[in-house]
Amino acid sequence: MSIQEIQDEIVSEFKVLGDDRESTIFYIMELGGSLEAFPESERKEQNIIKGCQSKVWLIADEEDGKVHYQADSNTDITKGLISLLIRVLDRQKPEAILSANLDFIDRIGMGNIIGSQRSNGLAAMIKQMKLYALAFQTKQNA
């Protein structure tokens, strides 16, 4: 699926919840449970995303020209947020990640749900994911 198709799918899922903020937060927290197990050996300072209130570890590698992300967090809501980003960007080509307009965040009203501190953290997560994509794209073009 393309990045846009995955985003449209997420928007449809969140529409079912309507304006029920509590259900939406619970759903986001539940999504964190779908993350691939994060390697204990990678829980180190260099893999922590700077700018997040919670601890978020993120690593990436390249498989068949596509970026594969793994992440974890010490809070359920943040783990859910990073799981949404991974769902959208994982196993996509670096160019697609770099040019992606992650409009699903606004379309599901995430800013109203998570507040400004977590919004800053979400922006930091996106930035780090795009930096990994840029590094892999640069390596591919070398």
N, C-alpha and C. Protein backbone atom coordinates (compact mmCIF):
# COMPACT_ATOMS: atom_id res chain seq x y z
N MET A 1 0.84 -1.19 0.00
CA MET A 1 0.00 0.00 0.00
C MET A 1 0.88 1.25 0.00
N SER A 2 0.36 2.30 -0.60
CA SER A 2 1.10 3.56 -0.60
C SER A 2 0.91 4.26 0.75
N ILE A 3 1.76 5.23 1.01
CA ILE A 3 1.66 6.01 2.24
C ILE A 3 0.29 6.67 2.34
N GLN A 4 -0.20 7.22 1.24
CA GLN A 4 -1.50 7.89 1.26
C GLN A 4 -2.64 6.90 1.53
N GLU A 5 -2.57 5.71 0.94
CA GLU A 5 -3.61 4.70 1.18
C GLU A 5 -3.65 4.27 2.64
N ILE A 6 -2.49 4.12 3.23
CA ILE A 6 -2.42 3.74 4.65
C ILE A 6 -3.00 4.86 5.52
N GLN A 7 -2.67 6.10 5.18
CA GLN A 7 -3.22 7.24 5.94
C GLN A 7 -4.74 7.29 5.83
N ASP A 8 -5.27 7.05 4.63
CA ASP A 8 -6.73 7.05 4.44
C ASP A 8 -7.38 5.95 5.29
N GLU A 9 -6.73 4.80 5.37
CA GLU A 9 -7.23 3.69 6.17
C GLU A 9 -7.29 4.08 7.66
N ILE A 10 -6.24 4.73 8.14
CA ILE A 10 -6.19 5.17 9.54
C ILE A 10 -7.30 6.19 9.81
N VAL A 11 -7.49 7.13 8.89
CA VAL A 11 -8.53 8.15 9.06
C VAL A 11 -9.90 7.47 9.16
N SER A 12 -10.14 6.47 8.34
CA SER A 12 -11.42 5.74 8.39
C SER A 12 -11.61 5.06 9.74
N GLU A 13 -10.55 4.46 10.26
CA GLU A 13 -10.64 3.80 11.56
C GLU A 13 -10.98 4.80 12.66
N PHE A 14 -10.37 5.96 12.63
CA PHE A 14 -10.61 6.97 13.66
C PHE A 14 -11.99 7.61 13.53
N LYS A 15 -12.54 7.66 12.31
CA LYS A 15 -13.88 8.24 12.11
C LYS A 15 -14.92 7.45 12.90
N VAL A 16 -14.72 6.16 13.01
CA VAL A 16 -15.64 5.29 13.74
C VAL A 16 -15.76 5.74 15.20
N LEU A 17 -14.66 6.27 15.75
CA LEU A 17 -14.65 6.70 17.15
C LEU A 17 -15.36 8.05 17.36
N GLY A 18 -15.57 8.77 16.27
CA GLY A 18 -16.25 10.07 16.37
C GLY A 18 -15.46 11.05 17.20
N ASP A 19 -16.17 11.82 18.00
CA ASP A 19 -15.53 12.86 18.83
C ASP A 19 -15.27 12.38 20.26
N ASP A 20 -15.34 11.09 20.49
CA ASP A 20 -15.13 10.55 21.83
C ASP A 20 -13.63 10.52 22.14
N ARG A 21 -13.18 11.56 22.84
CA ARG A 21 -11.75 11.73 23.13
C ARG A 21 -11.19 10.55 23.93
N GLU A 22 -11.94 10.10 24.93
CA GLU A 22 -11.48 9.01 25.78
C GLU A 22 -11.28 7.72 24.98
N SER A 23 -12.24 7.39 24.14
CA SER A 23 -12.12 6.19 23.30
C SER A 23 -10.96 6.31 22.33
N THR A 24 -10.76 7.51 21.80
CA THR A 24 -9.67 7.74 20.86
C THR A 24 -8.31 7.54 21.53
N ILE A 25 -8.16 8.08 22.73
CA ILE A 25 -6.90 7.91 23.47
C ILE A 25 -6.68 6.44 23.79
N PHE A 26 -7.73 5.76 24.23
CA PHE A 26 -7.62 4.34 24.55
C PHE A 26 -7.21 3.55 23.30
N TYR A 27 -7.80 3.89 22.16
CA TYR A 27 -7.48 3.21 20.90
C TYR A 27 -6.01 3.43 20.53
N ILE A 28 -5.53 4.67 20.67
CA ILE A 28 -4.13 4.96 20.36
C ILE A 28 -3.22 4.13 21.27
N MET A 29 -3.56 4.06 22.55
CA MET A 29 -2.76 3.27 23.48
C MET A 29 -2.77 1.79 23.10
N GLU A 30 -3.92 1.32 22.66
CA GLU A 30 -4.05 -0.07 22.23
C GLU A 30 -3.17 -0.37 21.01
N LEU A 31 -3.07 0.59 20.11
CA LEU A 31 -2.27 0.42 18.89
C LEU A 31 -0.80 0.15 19.20
N GLY A 32 -0.32 0.70 20.30
CA GLY A 32 1.07 0.49 20.70
C GLY A 32 1.40 -0.97 20.91
N GLY A 33 0.41 -1.76 21.26
CA GLY A 33 0.61 -3.19 21.46
C GLY A 33 0.93 -3.95 20.19
N SER A 34 0.69 -3.31 19.04
CA SER A 34 0.95 -3.98 17.77
C SER A 34 2.40 -3.84 17.31
N LEU A 35 3.19 -3.06 18.05
CA LEU A 35 4.58 -2.86 17.65
C LEU A 35 5.38 -4.16 17.76
N GLU A 36 6.27 -4.33 16.83
CA GLU A 36 7.22 -5.44 16.84
C GLU A 36 8.08 -5.31 18.11
N ALA A 37 8.45 -6.43 18.70
CA ALA A 37 9.27 -6.40 19.91
C ALA A 37 10.56 -5.63 19.64
N PHE A 38 10.89 -4.73 20.54
CA PHE A 38 12.08 -3.89 20.38
C PHE A 38 13.27 -4.57 21.04
N PRO A 39 14.39 -4.66 20.33
CA PRO A 39 15.57 -5.34 20.90
C PRO A 39 16.09 -4.63 22.16
N GLU A 40 16.21 -5.37 23.22
CA GLU A 40 16.70 -4.83 24.50
C GLU A 40 18.07 -4.15 24.31
N SER A 41 18.90 -4.72 23.44
CA SER A 41 20.25 -4.18 23.21
C SER A 41 20.24 -2.79 22.58
N GLU A 42 19.10 -2.38 22.00
CA GLU A 42 19.01 -1.08 21.33
C GLU A 42 18.42 0.01 22.22
N ARG A 43 18.11 -0.33 23.47
CA ARG A 43 17.59 0.68 24.42
C ARG A 43 18.75 1.46 24.99
N LYS A 44 19.34 2.26 24.13
CA LYS A 44 20.48 3.06 24.56
C LYS A 44 20.25 4.52 24.20
N GLU A 45 21.00 5.36 24.85
CA GLU A 45 20.84 6.81 24.74
C GLU A 45 20.82 7.29 23.28
N GLN A 46 21.71 6.75 22.46
CA GLN A 46 21.81 7.23 21.08
C GLN A 46 20.56 6.94 20.25
N ASN A 47 19.70 6.02 20.71
CA ASN A 47 18.48 5.70 19.97
C ASN A 47 17.24 6.39 20.52
N ILE A 48 17.42 7.24 21.53
CA ILE A 48 16.29 7.98 22.09
C ILE A 48 16.04 9.23 21.23
N ILE A 49 14.78 9.46 20.89
CA ILE A 49 14.41 10.64 20.10
C ILE A 49 14.42 11.86 21.01
N LYS A 50 15.21 12.83 20.64
CA LYS A 50 15.29 14.08 21.41
C LYS A 50 14.05 14.92 21.10
N GLY A 51 13.52 15.56 22.13
CA GLY A 51 12.35 16.41 21.94
C GLY A 51 11.05 15.76 22.37
N CYS A 52 11.11 14.52 22.81
CA CYS A 52 9.93 13.84 23.30
C CYS A 52 9.92 13.90 24.82
N GLN A 53 8.75 14.15 25.38
CA GLN A 53 8.59 14.19 26.82
C GLN A 53 8.83 12.79 27.41
N SER A 54 8.30 11.77 26.74
CA SER A 54 8.50 10.38 27.14
C SER A 54 9.76 9.86 26.47
N LYS A 55 10.23 8.72 26.92
CA LYS A 55 11.36 8.08 26.23
C LYS A 55 10.81 7.32 25.03
N VAL A 56 11.40 7.60 23.88
CA VAL A 56 11.05 6.89 22.66
C VAL A 56 12.35 6.43 22.01
N TRP A 57 12.48 5.13 21.84
CA TRP A 57 13.65 4.57 21.16
C TRP A 57 13.23 4.26 19.74
N LEU A 58 14.08 4.62 18.78
CA LEU A 58 13.79 4.36 17.37
C LEU A 58 15.06 3.91 16.68
N ILE A 59 14.94 2.82 15.93
CA ILE A 59 16.04 2.36 15.09
C ILE A 59 15.47 2.08 13.70
N ALA A 60 16.35 2.04 12.73
CA ALA A 60 15.91 1.75 11.36
C ALA A 60 17.01 1.01 10.64
N ASP A 61 16.60 0.16 9.71
CA ASP A 61 17.57 -0.44 8.80
C ASP A 61 16.92 -0.51 7.43
N GLU A 62 17.71 -0.92 6.48
CA GLU A 62 17.24 -0.95 5.10
C GLU A 62 17.10 -2.40 4.66
N GLU A 63 15.95 -2.72 4.07
CA GLU A 63 15.71 -4.06 3.54
C GLU A 63 15.14 -3.90 2.14
N ASP A 64 15.84 -4.43 1.16
CA ASP A 64 15.39 -4.38 -0.24
C ASP A 64 15.05 -2.96 -0.71
N GLY A 65 15.88 -2.00 -0.31
CA GLY A 65 15.69 -0.62 -0.75
C GLY A 65 14.59 0.13 -0.01
N LYS A 66 14.04 -0.50 1.02
CA LYS A 66 12.97 0.14 1.81
C LYS A 66 13.43 0.27 3.26
N VAL A 67 12.86 1.24 3.95
CA VAL A 67 13.25 1.50 5.33
C VAL A 67 12.35 0.69 6.27
N HIS A 68 12.99 0.02 7.21
CA HIS A 68 12.26 -0.74 8.23
C HIS A 68 12.55 -0.12 9.59
N TYR A 69 11.48 0.30 10.26
CA TYR A 69 11.61 0.96 11.56
C TYR A 69 11.20 0.01 12.69
N GLN A 70 11.84 0.22 13.84
CA GLN A 70 11.42 -0.43 15.07
C GLN A 70 11.47 0.64 16.16
N ALA A 71 10.49 0.61 17.06
CA ALA A 71 10.44 1.62 18.11
C ALA A 71 9.77 1.07 19.35
N ASP A 72 9.98 1.80 20.43
CA ASP A 72 9.31 1.50 21.69
C ASP A 72 9.28 2.78 22.51
N SER A 73 8.43 2.80 23.51
CA SER A 73 8.34 3.95 24.41
C SER A 73 8.02 3.46 25.82
N ASN A 74 8.30 4.33 26.78
CA ASN A 74 8.00 3.98 28.16
C ASN A 74 6.59 4.39 28.57
N THR A 75 5.81 5.00 27.66
CA THR A 75 4.41 5.32 27.96
C THR A 75 3.52 4.76 26.86
N ASP A 76 2.33 4.33 27.26
CA ASP A 76 1.41 3.69 26.30
C ASP A 76 0.93 4.62 25.21
N ILE A 77 0.62 5.87 25.56
CA ILE A 77 0.11 6.80 24.54
C ILE A 77 1.19 7.10 23.50
N THR A 78 2.41 7.31 23.95
CA THR A 78 3.50 7.61 23.01
C THR A 78 3.82 6.38 22.17
N LYS A 79 3.75 5.22 22.77
CA LYS A 79 3.97 3.98 22.02
C LYS A 79 2.91 3.85 20.92
N GLY A 80 1.70 4.24 21.23
CA GLY A 80 0.63 4.22 20.23
C GLY A 80 0.88 5.20 19.10
N LEU A 81 1.38 6.39 19.46
CA LEU A 81 1.66 7.41 18.44
C LEU A 81 2.77 6.95 17.49
N ILE A 82 3.84 6.41 18.05
CA ILE A 82 4.94 5.95 17.18
C ILE A 82 4.49 4.75 16.34
N SER A 83 3.58 3.94 16.90
CA SER A 83 3.09 2.79 16.11
C SER A 83 2.30 3.26 14.89
N LEU A 84 1.57 4.37 15.03
CA LEU A 84 0.85 4.94 13.87
C LEU A 84 1.84 5.41 12.80
N LEU A 85 2.89 6.09 13.24
CA LEU A 85 3.90 6.57 12.28
C LEU A 85 4.59 5.40 11.59
N ILE A 86 4.90 4.37 12.36
CA ILE A 86 5.55 3.19 11.76
C ILE A 86 4.60 2.53 10.77
N ARG A 87 3.34 2.44 11.12
CA ARG A 87 2.37 1.84 10.21
C ARG A 87 2.35 2.56 8.86
N VAL A 88 2.47 3.87 8.90
CA VAL A 88 2.42 4.67 7.67
C VAL A 88 3.74 4.60 6.89
N LEU A 89 4.87 4.67 7.59
CA LEU A 89 6.16 4.84 6.91
C LEU A 89 7.00 3.56 6.77
N ASP A 90 6.69 2.54 7.54
CA ASP A 90 7.52 1.33 7.52
C ASP A 90 7.46 0.63 6.17
N ARG A 91 8.61 0.15 5.74
CA ARG A 91 8.75 -0.63 4.49
C ARG A 91 8.34 0.17 3.25
N GLN A 92 8.63 1.48 3.34
CA GLN A 92 8.44 2.36 2.19
C GLN A 92 9.82 2.78 1.70
N LYS A 93 9.90 3.22 0.45
CA LYS A 93 11.17 3.69 -0.10
C LYS A 93 11.53 5.03 0.54
N PRO A 94 12.82 5.29 0.71
CA PRO A 94 13.24 6.56 1.33
C PRO A 94 12.63 7.79 0.66
N GLU A 95 12.58 7.79 -0.68
CA GLU A 95 12.04 8.96 -1.40
C GLU A 95 10.59 9.20 -1.02
N ALA A 96 9.82 8.12 -0.89
CA ALA A 96 8.40 8.24 -0.54
C ALA A 96 8.25 8.79 0.88
N ILE A 97 9.11 8.35 1.78
CA ILE A 97 9.07 8.83 3.17
C ILE A 97 9.41 10.31 3.22
N LEU A 98 10.45 10.69 2.49
CA LEU A 98 10.89 12.09 2.51
C LEU A 98 9.86 13.04 1.91
N SER A 99 9.13 12.59 0.92
CA SER A 99 8.14 13.47 0.27
C SER A 99 6.74 13.32 0.87
N ALA A 100 6.59 12.44 1.85
CA ALA A 100 5.27 12.17 2.42
C ALA A 100 4.72 13.39 3.16
N ASN A 101 3.46 13.69 2.87
CA ASN A 101 2.72 14.68 3.62
C ASN A 101 1.85 13.89 4.60
N LEU A 102 2.24 13.90 5.85
CA LEU A 102 1.53 13.09 6.84
C LEU A 102 0.27 13.82 7.31
N ASP A 103 -0.70 13.90 6.39
CA ASP A 103 -1.92 14.66 6.65
C ASP A 103 -2.90 13.92 7.56
N PHE A 104 -2.70 12.64 7.78
CA PHE A 104 -3.62 11.90 8.64
C PHE A 104 -3.63 12.47 10.06
N ILE A 105 -2.52 13.05 10.48
CA ILE A 105 -2.40 13.61 11.83
C ILE A 105 -3.44 14.72 12.03
N ASP A 106 -3.55 15.61 11.06
CA ASP A 106 -4.55 16.67 11.14
C ASP A 106 -5.95 16.13 10.85
N ARG A 107 -6.04 15.20 9.91
CA ARG A 107 -7.35 14.68 9.52
C ARG A 107 -8.04 13.93 10.65
N ILE A 108 -7.30 13.34 11.56
CA ILE A 108 -7.94 12.66 12.69
C ILE A 108 -8.01 13.58 13.92
N GLY A 109 -7.55 14.82 13.77
CA GLY A 109 -7.62 15.79 14.87
C GLY A 109 -6.66 15.48 16.01
N MET A 110 -5.50 14.95 15.66
CA MET A 110 -4.54 14.53 16.68
C MET A 110 -4.12 15.67 17.60
N GLY A 111 -3.99 16.87 17.06
CA GLY A 111 -3.60 18.02 17.89
C GLY A 111 -4.56 18.26 19.04
N ASN A 112 -5.86 18.05 18.80
CA ASN A 112 -6.87 18.23 19.85
C ASN A 112 -6.83 17.10 20.87
N ILE A 113 -6.31 15.97 20.46
CA ILE A 113 -6.33 14.78 21.32
C ILE A 113 -5.13 14.76 22.26
N ILE A 114 -3.94 15.11 21.75
CA ILE A 114 -2.73 14.87 22.53
C ILE A 114 -2.11 16.10 23.19
N GLY A 115 -2.52 17.29 22.83
CA GLY A 115 -1.95 18.48 23.47
C GLY A 115 -0.62 18.90 22.88
N SER A 116 -0.13 20.07 23.28
CA SER A 116 1.04 20.66 22.63
C SER A 116 2.35 19.94 22.96
N GLN A 117 2.54 19.46 24.18
CA GLN A 117 3.79 18.76 24.52
C GLN A 117 3.96 17.52 23.66
N ARG A 118 2.91 16.71 23.57
CA ARG A 118 3.00 15.49 22.77
C ARG A 118 3.06 15.81 21.28
N SER A 119 2.44 16.93 20.87
CA SER A 119 2.53 17.33 19.46
C SER A 119 3.97 17.63 19.09
N ASN A 120 4.71 18.27 20.01
CA ASN A 120 6.13 18.53 19.78
C ASN A 120 6.89 17.21 19.68
N GLY A 121 6.56 16.27 20.54
CA GLY A 121 7.19 14.96 20.50
C GLY A 121 6.88 14.22 19.21
N LEU A 122 5.64 14.33 18.75
CA LEU A 122 5.25 13.69 17.49
C LEU A 122 6.05 14.28 16.33
N ALA A 123 6.23 15.59 16.33
CA ALA A 123 7.04 16.24 15.30
C ALA A 123 8.48 15.74 15.35
N ALA A 124 9.01 15.55 16.56
CA ALA A 124 10.38 15.04 16.72
C ALA A 124 10.49 13.61 16.18
N MET A 125 9.46 12.80 16.40
CA MET A 125 9.46 11.42 15.88
C MET A 125 9.48 11.43 14.36
N ILE A 126 8.64 12.26 13.77
CA ILE A 126 8.58 12.35 12.30
C ILE A 126 9.93 12.80 11.75
N LYS A 127 10.51 13.81 12.39
CA LYS A 127 11.81 14.34 11.95
C LYS A 127 12.86 13.23 11.97
N GLN A 128 12.91 12.46 13.06
CA GLN A 128 13.91 11.40 13.16
C GLN A 128 13.69 10.31 12.11
N MET A 129 12.43 9.97 11.87
CA MET A 129 12.13 8.95 10.86
C MET A 129 12.56 9.43 9.47
N LYS A 130 12.33 10.71 9.19
CA LYS A 130 12.73 11.26 7.89
C LYS A 130 14.26 11.36 7.78
N LEU A 131 14.93 11.63 8.90
CA LEU A 131 16.40 11.65 8.89
C LEU A 131 16.97 10.27 8.55
N TYR A 132 16.39 9.24 9.11
CA TYR A 132 16.81 7.87 8.75
C TYR A 132 16.60 7.63 7.25
N ALA A 133 15.44 8.04 6.74
CA ALA A 133 15.15 7.85 5.31
C ALA A 133 16.17 8.60 4.46
N LEU A 134 16.51 9.81 4.86
CA LEU A 134 17.49 10.61 4.13
C LEU A 134 18.85 9.91 4.12
N ALA A 135 19.23 9.36 5.26
CA ALA A 135 20.51 8.65 5.34
C ALA A 135 20.53 7.44 4.41
N PHE A 136 19.44 6.70 4.37
CA PHE A 136 19.39 5.53 3.48
C PHE A 136 19.34 5.94 2.01
N GLN A 137 18.63 7.04 1.71
CA GLN A 137 18.59 7.53 0.34
C GLN A 137 19.98 7.97 -0.10
N THR A 138 20.69 8.68 0.75
CA THR A 138 22.04 9.14 0.44
C THR A 138 22.96 7.94 0.19
N LYS A 139 22.83 6.91 1.01
CA LYS A 139 23.63 5.70 0.87
C LYS A 139 23.31 5.00 -0.47
N GLN A 140 22.03 4.94 -0.82
CA GLN A 140 21.61 4.29 -2.07
C GLN A 140 22.14 5.04 -3.28
N ASN A 141 22.21 6.36 -3.19
CA ASN A 141 22.64 7.17 -4.33
C ASN A 141 24.15 7.36 -4.41
N ALA A 142 24.86 6.83 -3.42
CA ALA A 142 26.33 7.00 -3.40
C ALA A 142 27.00 6.14 -4.44
